[in-house]
Amino acid sequence: MQLSEIKSAISQQAQHPTIISYADSNHYLLGIEDEQGNFKSARDKTGKLMSLNSITQAEELLKQQGIHYAMIEIQTAYDEMIGNSSSHHCRYRVEF
């Protein structure tokens, strides 16, 4: 999914712009997530997966598309070690 397609995807379906952060990493993924938890990552014009350097950078890209909120999901290796499912990841909505 191209970055420019995110706005139409969230307006047509029950999907949310999502930024995924993995603890202790300086890479962030930007995309959309549906109500079943399926994540589709944003890709650049050449089709390469977008790996961003900060949540702020991801927010700026969304703002450029006319989107003013995102779900932030923070994943950690600890979740896997103790057997937490993906529904137990730290998630919150941010407005910008």
Protein backbone atom coordinates (compact mmCIF):
# COMPACT_ATOMS: atom_id res chain seq x y z
CA MET A 1 0.00 0.00 0.00
CA GLN A 2 1.35 3.38 -1.01
CA LEU A 3 1.41 6.14 1.61
CA SER A 4 -1.06 8.13 -0.49
CA GLU A 5 -3.59 5.26 -0.27
CA ILE A 6 -3.86 5.32 3.53
CA LYS A 7 -6.41 8.15 3.70
CA SER A 8 -8.82 6.49 1.28
CA ALA A 9 -8.42 3.13 3.05
CA ILE A 10 -9.39 4.56 6.44
CA SER A 11 -12.31 6.54 5.04
CA GLN A 12 -13.79 3.59 3.11
CA GLN A 13 -13.39 0.86 5.73
CA ALA A 14 -13.02 0.38 9.47
CA GLN A 15 -9.23 0.72 9.41
CA HIS A 16 -6.90 2.93 11.41
CA PRO A 17 -3.54 4.49 10.60
CA THR A 18 -1.08 2.63 12.79
CA ILE A 19 2.54 3.15 13.81
CA ILE A 20 4.32 0.08 15.15
CA SER A 21 7.31 0.46 17.42
CA TYR A 22 9.47 -2.37 18.65
CA ALA A 23 11.13 -1.67 22.00
CA ASP A 24 14.88 -0.99 21.83
CA SER A 25 14.71 -0.37 18.07
CA ASN A 26 15.01 2.88 16.18
CA HIS A 27 12.80 1.66 13.32
CA TYR A 28 9.07 2.31 13.10
CA LEU A 29 6.53 0.87 10.67
CA LEU A 30 3.64 2.91 9.33
CA GLY A 31 0.50 1.45 7.82
CA ILE A 32 -3.12 0.61 8.48
CA GLU A 33 -4.72 -1.98 10.70
CA ASP A 34 -8.22 -3.42 10.42
CA GLU A 35 -10.51 -4.49 13.26
CA GLN A 36 -9.16 -8.05 13.15
CA GLY A 37 -5.60 -6.80 13.78
CA ASN A 38 -4.33 -7.32 10.24
CA PHE A 39 -1.58 -4.79 9.49
CA LYS A 40 -0.75 -3.54 5.99
CA SER A 41 2.48 -1.58 5.84
CA ALA A 42 3.06 1.56 3.81
CA ARG A 43 5.53 1.36 0.97
CA ASP A 44 7.36 4.06 -0.94
CA LYS A 45 6.87 4.74 -4.65
CA THR A 46 9.32 1.97 -5.58
CA GLY A 47 7.44 -0.59 -3.46
CA LYS A 48 10.05 -0.69 -0.69
CA LEU A 49 8.79 -1.08 2.88
CA MET A 50 8.91 2.25 4.71
CA SER A 51 11.08 2.02 7.84
CA LEU A 52 10.99 5.31 9.72
CA ASN A 53 13.36 6.73 12.32
CA SER A 54 10.79 8.09 14.78
CA ILE A 55 7.13 8.27 15.69
CA THR A 56 7.31 11.99 14.90
CA GLN A 57 8.48 11.26 11.36
CA ALA A 58 5.54 8.87 10.89
CA GLU A 59 3.12 11.48 12.25
CA GLU A 60 4.47 14.09 9.83
CA LEU A 61 3.95 11.76 6.88
CA LEU A 62 0.37 11.13 7.99
CA LYS A 63 -0.26 14.87 8.42
CA GLN A 64 0.97 15.44 4.87
CA GLN A 65 -1.78 13.04 3.76
CA GLY A 66 -4.43 14.97 5.73
CA ILE A 67 -4.64 12.43 8.56
CA HIS A 68 -4.56 13.78 12.11
CA TYR A 69 -4.46 10.69 14.34
CA ALA A 70 -2.82 7.29 14.58
CA MET A 71 -2.83 4.21 16.75
CA ILE A 72 0.58 3.64 18.31
CA GLU A 73 1.48 0.03 19.11
CA ILE A 74 4.59 -0.76 21.11
CA GLN A 75 5.83 -4.34 20.99
CA THR A 76 8.53 -5.82 23.19
CA ALA A 77 10.45 -9.09 23.31
CA TYR A 78 9.15 -9.49 26.85
CA ASP A 79 5.64 -10.06 25.45
CA GLU A 80 6.91 -13.09 23.53
CA MET A 81 8.88 -14.41 26.50
CA ILE A 82 5.84 -14.53 28.76
CA GLY A 83 3.42 -15.63 26.05
CA ASN A 84 1.34 -12.46 25.73
CA SER A 85 -0.81 -12.38 22.62
CA SER A 86 -0.75 -9.41 20.26
CA SER A 87 -3.91 -8.09 21.98
CA HIS A 88 -1.77 -7.39 25.06
CA HIS A 89 0.66 -5.02 23.32
CA CYS A 90 0.68 -1.47 24.59
CA ARG A 91 -1.66 0.52 22.29
CA TYR A 92 -2.90 4.07 22.42
CA ARG A 93 -4.41 6.66 20.11
CA VAL A 94 -2.61 9.94 19.50
CA GLU A 95 -4.08 13.06 17.89
CA PHE A 96 -1.74 15.47 16.10
